[in-house]
């Protein structure tokens, strides 16, 4: 009997490991869903003497895209954000995360700037408030300032049509 206990523990551990390996880390639910977007008051990347807060977007549907010049995956999703910006269907706000302003501005100059505005989160505190644990991440925020969707990782081809544009269309149609 004393030899069966380690066997049962091993089997239980193997089952939990197998279940864990089947989980998709992009499907981790955010505790912010259906809650007000965390407050911030950050300098604007292009004009650091000016500041912006989430309250400036009340009455508008907007996307908050967390990015950085040092982020390899951000480069992967960037052409899709440029495509989204060309459609002019939503306010696209960048949250430049734990980056240097000079590097971020150079990166946008080189790759194009899809953002209506980008703010600097140099110390990462706003990212922590939003539950960011890796870049890029993108949040869909409604007219009342409520987080409705969180996308972890780079936006992939097809995500605009399958995820983001339907959310934007639905939220734009809502009366506040």
Protein backbone atom coordinates (compact mmCIF):
# COMPACT_ATOMS: atom_id res chain seq x y z
CA UNK A 1 0.00 0.00 0.00
CA UNK A 2 2.81 2.42 0.85
CA UNK A 3 4.17 1.93 -2.71
CA UNK A 4 0.84 2.82 -4.31
CA UNK A 5 0.67 6.33 -2.82
CA UNK A 6 3.65 7.65 -4.84
CA UNK A 7 2.18 6.02 -7.96
CA UNK A 8 -1.19 7.75 -7.41
CA UNK A 9 0.54 11.08 -6.77
CA UNK A 10 2.57 10.68 -9.97
CA UNK A 11 -0.56 9.85 -11.99
CA UNK A 12 -2.43 12.86 -10.55
CA UNK A 13 0.50 15.15 -11.32
CA UNK A 14 0.72 13.79 -14.88
CA UNK A 15 -3.00 14.47 -15.40
CA UNK A 16 -2.68 18.08 -14.20
CA UNK A 17 0.36 18.58 -16.43
CA UNK A 18 -1.50 17.19 -19.47
CA UNK A 19 -4.45 19.51 -18.81
CA UNK A 20 -2.11 22.49 -18.40
CA UNK A 21 -0.33 21.78 -21.67
CA UNK A 22 -3.64 21.94 -23.55
CA UNK A 23 -4.48 25.44 -22.25
CA UNK A 24 -3.98 28.42 -24.55
CA UNK A 25 -2.20 31.30 -22.73
CA UNK A 26 -4.01 33.79 -25.01
CA UNK A 27 -7.30 32.72 -23.48
CA UNK A 28 -6.41 33.79 -19.96
CA UNK A 29 -9.36 35.88 -18.83
CA UNK A 30 -8.66 39.38 -17.63
CA UNK A 31 -10.18 40.51 -14.32
CA UNK A 32 -10.71 43.90 -16.03
CA UNK A 33 -13.37 42.64 -18.43
CA UNK A 34 -16.60 44.61 -17.87
CA UNK A 35 -14.82 46.87 -15.36
CA UNK A 36 -13.74 50.51 -15.80
CA UNK A 37 -10.39 50.91 -17.53
CA UNK A 38 -7.70 51.75 -14.97
CA UNK A 39 -6.98 55.44 -14.64
CA UNK A 40 -3.80 56.90 -16.06
CA UNK A 41 -2.34 60.33 -16.65
CA UNK A 42 0.73 59.93 -18.85
CA UNK A 43 2.92 62.08 -21.09
CA UNK A 44 2.23 61.94 -24.80
CA UNK A 45 5.12 60.30 -26.64
CA UNK A 46 5.33 62.91 -29.42
CA UNK A 47 4.88 65.87 -27.04
CA UNK A 48 5.99 64.84 -23.52
CA UNK A 49 5.07 68.22 -22.05
CA UNK A 50 1.41 67.31 -22.68
CA UNK A 51 -0.43 64.61 -20.76
CA UNK A 52 -3.36 62.36 -21.57
CA UNK A 53 -5.71 60.28 -19.43
CA UNK A 54 -8.22 57.56 -20.13
CA UNK A 55 -10.95 60.11 -19.27
CA UNK A 56 -10.04 61.97 -22.50
CA UNK A 57 -11.63 59.10 -24.44
CA UNK A 58 -15.05 59.05 -22.73
CA UNK A 59 -17.80 58.77 -25.30
CA UNK A 60 -15.51 57.01 -27.79
CA UNK A 61 -14.77 53.38 -28.50
CA UNK A 62 -11.00 52.94 -28.43
CA UNK A 63 -8.29 50.35 -28.56
CA UNK A 64 -5.34 50.48 -26.19
CA UNK A 65 -2.36 48.72 -27.77
CA UNK A 66 0.56 48.07 -25.43
CA UNK A 67 3.81 48.11 -27.40
CA UNK A 68 7.55 48.79 -27.17
CA UNK A 69 10.41 49.40 -29.59
CA UNK A 70 12.30 46.44 -28.09
CA UNK A 71 9.34 44.06 -28.63
CA UNK A 72 9.86 41.57 -31.47
CA UNK A 73 6.18 40.52 -31.54
CA UNK A 74 5.15 44.18 -31.81
CA UNK A 75 6.94 44.35 -35.15
CA UNK A 76 4.94 41.27 -36.25
CA UNK A 77 1.56 42.90 -35.54
CA UNK A 78 2.52 46.42 -36.63
CA UNK A 79 1.47 46.11 -40.32
CA UNK A 80 -1.99 45.01 -39.15
CA UNK A 81 -2.27 48.05 -36.89
CA UNK A 82 -1.27 50.25 -39.84
CA UNK A 83 -4.05 48.57 -41.86
CA UNK A 84 -6.55 49.16 -39.04
CA UNK A 85 -5.53 52.82 -38.79
CA UNK A 86 -6.12 53.30 -42.54
CA UNK A 87 -9.72 52.11 -42.07
CA UNK A 88 -10.28 54.95 -39.58
CA UNK A 89 -12.95 52.97 -37.72
CA UNK A 90 -11.61 53.31 -34.19
CA UNK A 91 -9.41 55.49 -32.05
CA UNK A 92 -6.10 53.63 -31.68
CA UNK A 93 -4.13 54.57 -28.57
CA UNK A 94 -0.62 53.28 -28.01
CA UNK A 95 0.78 52.59 -24.56
CA UNK A 96 4.54 52.63 -25.00
CA UNK A 97 5.62 50.22 -22.26
CA UNK A 98 8.94 50.38 -20.38
CA UNK A 99 10.68 52.06 -23.27
CA UNK A 100 12.78 55.14 -23.94
CA UNK A 101 11.04 57.99 -25.78
CA UNK A 102 13.86 58.40 -28.30
CA UNK A 103 13.83 54.69 -29.20
CA UNK A 104 10.03 54.62 -29.43
CA UNK A 105 9.86 57.71 -31.67
CA UNK A 106 12.62 56.32 -33.92
CA UNK A 107 10.76 52.99 -34.16
CA UNK A 108 7.51 54.71 -35.20
CA UNK A 109 9.38 56.86 -37.74
CA UNK A 110 10.93 53.75 -39.27
CA UNK A 111 7.89 51.45 -39.26
CA UNK A 112 5.02 53.96 -39.49
CA UNK A 113 2.74 55.31 -36.80
CA UNK A 114 -0.73 53.74 -36.66
CA UNK A 115 -1.67 55.47 -33.40
CA UNK A 116 -3.94 58.46 -33.08
CA UNK A 117 -1.87 59.11 -29.97
CA UNK A 118 0.69 57.18 -27.98
CA UNK A 119 1.50 57.71 -24.31
CA UNK A 120 4.65 56.76 -22.41
CA UNK A 121 4.54 54.27 -19.56
CA UNK A 122 8.27 54.41 -18.82
CA UNK A 123 8.09 52.78 -15.38
CA UNK A 124 5.44 50.22 -16.36
CA UNK A 125 2.99 51.13 -13.60
CA UNK A 126 0.07 51.71 -15.95
CA UNK A 127 0.82 48.39 -17.62
CA UNK A 128 0.68 46.72 -14.22
CA UNK A 129 -2.70 48.37 -13.56
CA UNK A 130 -3.96 46.89 -16.84
CA UNK A 131 -2.59 43.45 -15.94
CA UNK A 132 0.00 43.47 -18.72
CA UNK A 133 2.47 40.64 -18.37
CA UNK A 134 3.93 40.81 -21.86
CA UNK A 135 3.80 42.97 -24.93
CA UNK A 136 1.95 43.32 -27.16
CA UNK A 137 -1.50 43.31 -25.63
CA UNK A 138 -4.58 45.08 -26.95
CA UNK A 139 -7.68 46.18 -25.05
CA UNK A 140 -11.08 47.11 -26.50
CA UNK A 141 -12.64 49.87 -24.40
CA UNK A 142 -16.21 51.09 -24.83
CA UNK A 143 -17.73 54.59 -24.79
CA UNK A 144 -18.21 54.46 -21.01
CA UNK A 145 -14.55 53.60 -20.46
CA UNK A 146 -15.20 49.94 -19.68
CA UNK A 147 -12.77 47.23 -20.80
CA UNK A 148 -14.73 44.82 -22.99
CA UNK A 149 -12.02 42.60 -24.47
CA UNK A 150 -8.32 41.84 -23.96
CA UNK A 151 -6.14 40.32 -26.65
CA UNK A 152 -2.87 38.84 -25.39
CA UNK A 153 0.00 38.60 -27.84
CA UNK A 154 0.33 40.02 -31.33
CA UNK A 155 -2.73 40.68 -33.45
CA UNK A 156 -2.71 38.00 -36.15
CA UNK A 157 -4.04 38.13 -39.72
CA UNK A 158 -7.77 37.58 -39.50
CA UNK A 159 -8.07 38.97 -35.95
CA UNK A 160 -9.14 42.36 -37.27
CA UNK A 161 -12.14 40.92 -39.15
CA UNK A 162 -12.98 38.14 -36.68
CA UNK A 163 -12.44 39.90 -33.36
CA UNK A 164 -11.70 43.62 -33.38
CA UNK A 165 -14.00 45.00 -36.09
CA UNK A 166 -17.07 43.12 -34.75
CA UNK A 167 -16.35 44.43 -31.25
CA UNK A 168 -15.90 47.97 -32.56
CA UNK A 169 -19.08 47.80 -34.63
CA UNK A 170 -21.11 46.42 -31.71
CA UNK A 171 -19.81 49.02 -29.25
CA UNK A 172 -20.23 51.93 -31.68
CA UNK A 173 -23.89 50.93 -32.12
CA UNK A 174 -24.56 51.02 -28.36
CA UNK A 175 -26.22 54.09 -26.96
CA UNK A 176 -24.61 55.38 -23.79
